[in-house]
Amino acid sequence: MAEFYGSDSISSKTGKAFITMNGQNHELFYAKKIEATLTKNKEEVRTLGSRMVGHKTTSIQGEGTLTIAEITSMFKETFLKYINEGIDVYFNLQVTNEDPSTTYGRETKVLTHCNFDEILIASLDSDDGILEQELPFTFEGVEILEKFK
């Protein structure tokens, strides 16, 4: 029987992320947080003779958020490209969780056909703080390139 120790947990701070946009790879060294979720869309199924409501999965939706320290205009430029040229920019996002202090190795996922939903185009604040940006996005595919051991 295998045992699990606290030291086997994967640190949420270790790993890397890359964005592939317009054929170029960019390391997201300025990322503060990345979250992506798959949500099932279900239809209710009601049948005679049953008091329970059943559910049928009909599709899956991918949504996420990329939070960054704001040091690049690259993401704002994707919105301007749509405004000025009518071209919507899609990208792939590769996320690797890897903690060298654990025996479980690493896991690498690629979210494909991602598209940003909204962007904060300008920000000033008289309080202390740093500029950061939370970028919600959708994605249409996911691949697991490497699995935890």
Protein backbone atom coordinates (compact mmCIF):
# COMPACT_ATOMS: atom_id res chain seq x y z
CA MET A 1 0.00 0.00 0.00
CA ALA A 2 1.43 3.34 -1.05
CA GLU A 3 1.60 6.16 1.45
CA PHE A 4 1.15 9.84 0.82
CA TYR A 5 3.15 12.42 2.76
CA GLY A 6 2.71 16.17 2.85
CA SER A 7 6.09 16.53 1.17
CA ASP A 8 4.66 14.66 -1.84
CA SER A 9 2.26 17.55 -2.55
CA ILE A 10 2.96 19.60 -5.66
CA SER A 11 3.79 23.24 -4.94
CA SER A 12 1.48 25.64 -6.77
CA LYS A 13 4.41 28.01 -7.37
CA THR A 14 6.63 25.64 -9.32
CA GLY A 15 6.26 25.20 -13.02
CA LYS A 16 6.20 27.21 -16.21
CA ALA A 17 3.74 28.54 -18.73
CA PHE A 18 4.10 29.48 -22.38
CA ILE A 19 1.74 31.19 -24.77
CA THR A 20 1.94 30.55 -28.52
CA MET A 21 0.48 33.45 -30.43
CA ASN A 22 0.97 34.35 -34.10
CA GLY A 23 3.47 31.50 -34.44
CA GLN A 24 5.71 32.79 -31.65
CA ASN A 25 6.31 31.24 -28.22
CA HIS A 26 6.43 33.55 -25.21
CA GLU A 27 7.35 32.39 -21.72
CA LEU A 28 4.90 33.81 -19.21
CA PHE A 29 7.53 34.56 -16.56
CA TYR A 30 5.36 37.49 -15.43
CA ALA A 31 2.29 35.32 -14.79
CA LYS A 32 0.98 35.49 -11.24
CA LYS A 33 -1.81 32.94 -11.52
CA ILE A 34 -3.33 30.68 -14.16
CA GLU A 35 -6.57 28.79 -13.74
CA ALA A 36 -8.53 26.87 -16.37
CA THR A 37 -11.73 24.92 -15.86
CA LEU A 38 -13.73 22.47 -17.91
CA THR A 39 -17.46 22.65 -17.19
CA LYS A 40 -20.01 20.13 -18.42
CA ASN A 41 -23.19 21.51 -19.95
CA LYS A 42 -26.04 19.16 -19.05
CA GLU A 43 -29.68 18.78 -19.99
CA GLU A 44 -32.21 17.59 -17.45
CA VAL A 45 -33.87 14.28 -18.27
CA ARG A 46 -37.22 13.60 -16.65
CA THR A 47 -38.90 10.23 -16.95
CA LEU A 48 -42.25 8.85 -15.85
CA GLY A 49 -42.09 6.71 -12.76
CA SER A 50 -38.96 8.34 -11.34
CA ARG A 51 -38.83 11.11 -8.78
CA MET A 52 -35.20 11.75 -9.55
CA VAL A 53 -34.16 14.09 -12.35
CA GLY A 54 -31.47 12.61 -14.56
CA HIS A 55 -28.78 14.54 -16.41
CA LYS A 56 -27.23 14.10 -19.84
CA THR A 57 -23.95 15.79 -20.71
CA THR A 58 -24.35 17.54 -24.07
CA SER A 59 -21.09 19.53 -24.32
CA ILE A 60 -18.14 20.86 -22.36
CA GLN A 61 -17.04 24.47 -22.02
CA GLY A 62 -13.49 25.61 -21.29
CA GLU A 63 -12.89 28.86 -19.41
CA GLY A 64 -9.92 30.29 -17.58
CA THR A 65 -8.16 33.30 -16.15
CA LEU A 66 -4.58 34.46 -16.68
CA THR A 67 -3.38 36.97 -14.09
CA ILE A 68 -0.17 38.80 -14.96
CA ALA A 69 2.08 41.53 -13.70
CA GLU A 70 1.44 44.14 -16.35
CA ILE A 71 4.74 44.54 -18.19
CA THR A 72 3.65 43.85 -21.77
CA SER A 73 1.24 45.40 -24.27
CA MET A 74 1.01 42.14 -26.26
CA PHE A 75 -2.43 41.22 -24.95
CA LYS A 76 -3.91 44.68 -25.51
CA GLU A 77 -2.63 44.52 -29.08
CA THR A 78 -4.83 41.45 -29.73
CA PHE A 79 -7.91 43.55 -29.00
CA LEU A 80 -6.67 46.42 -31.17
CA LYS A 81 -6.08 43.97 -34.03
CA TYR A 82 -9.74 43.05 -33.85
CA ILE A 83 -10.87 46.69 -33.59
CA ASN A 84 -8.68 47.92 -36.46
CA GLU A 85 -8.57 44.90 -38.78
CA GLY A 86 -11.45 42.67 -37.73
CA ILE A 87 -9.00 39.83 -36.97
CA ASP A 88 -9.55 37.99 -33.70
CA VAL A 89 -6.36 36.50 -32.27
CA TYR A 90 -6.37 32.95 -30.91
CA PHE A 91 -3.53 31.31 -29.00
CA ASN A 92 -2.42 28.14 -27.24
CA LEU A 93 -1.46 28.11 -23.58
CA GLN A 94 0.92 25.46 -22.23
CA VAL A 95 1.09 24.99 -18.46
CA THR A 96 3.54 22.68 -16.68
CA ASN A 97 3.32 21.88 -12.98
CA GLU A 98 6.65 20.52 -11.78
CA ASP A 99 7.98 20.35 -8.25
CA PRO A 100 11.48 18.82 -8.05
CA SER A 101 10.97 17.99 -4.35
CA THR A 102 8.25 15.42 -5.05
CA THR A 103 8.39 11.99 -6.65
CA TYR A 104 5.28 12.55 -8.77
CA GLY A 105 7.15 14.27 -11.57
CA ARG A 106 5.33 16.79 -13.70
CA GLU A 107 2.18 17.33 -15.69
CA THR A 108 1.98 19.41 -18.86
CA LYS A 109 -1.27 20.58 -20.40
CA VAL A 110 -1.93 22.58 -23.57
CA LEU A 111 -5.11 24.61 -23.85
CA THR A 112 -5.85 25.12 -27.53
CA HIS A 113 -7.72 27.73 -29.51
CA CYS A 114 -7.81 30.16 -26.57
CA ASN A 115 -9.36 33.60 -26.92
CA PHE A 116 -9.43 36.49 -24.43
CA ASP A 117 -12.85 37.78 -23.32
CA GLU A 118 -11.98 41.18 -21.91
CA ILE A 119 -9.04 43.39 -21.05
CA LEU A 120 -8.41 46.39 -18.84
CA ILE A 121 -7.04 48.91 -21.34
CA ALA A 122 -5.86 51.57 -18.87
CA SER A 123 -5.32 51.83 -15.13
CA LEU A 124 -3.98 54.36 -12.62
CA ASP A 125 -4.39 54.25 -8.86
CA SER A 126 -3.22 56.69 -6.19
CA ASP A 127 -2.84 53.89 -3.64
CA ASP A 128 0.32 51.83 -3.33
CA GLY A 129 0.37 48.79 -5.56
CA ILE A 130 1.59 47.29 -8.77
CA LEU A 131 -0.07 47.10 -12.16
CA GLU A 132 -1.54 43.71 -12.83
CA GLN A 133 -4.10 42.40 -15.24
CA GLU A 134 -6.65 39.61 -14.91
CA LEU A 135 -7.47 38.22 -18.35
CA PRO A 136 -10.48 35.90 -18.63
CA PHE A 137 -10.42 33.60 -21.64
CA THR A 138 -12.16 30.67 -23.26
CA PHE A 139 -10.57 27.64 -24.89
CA GLU A 140 -11.85 24.96 -27.20
CA GLY A 141 -9.47 22.05 -26.66
CA VAL A 142 -7.09 20.54 -24.16
CA GLU A 143 -4.29 18.00 -24.39
CA ILE A 144 -2.31 16.39 -21.58
CA LEU A 145 1.22 16.00 -22.91
CA GLU A 146 2.76 14.64 -19.69
CA LYS A 147 1.01 12.97 -16.76
CA PHE A 148 2.00 12.84 -13.10
CA LYS A 149 3.53 9.50 -12.14
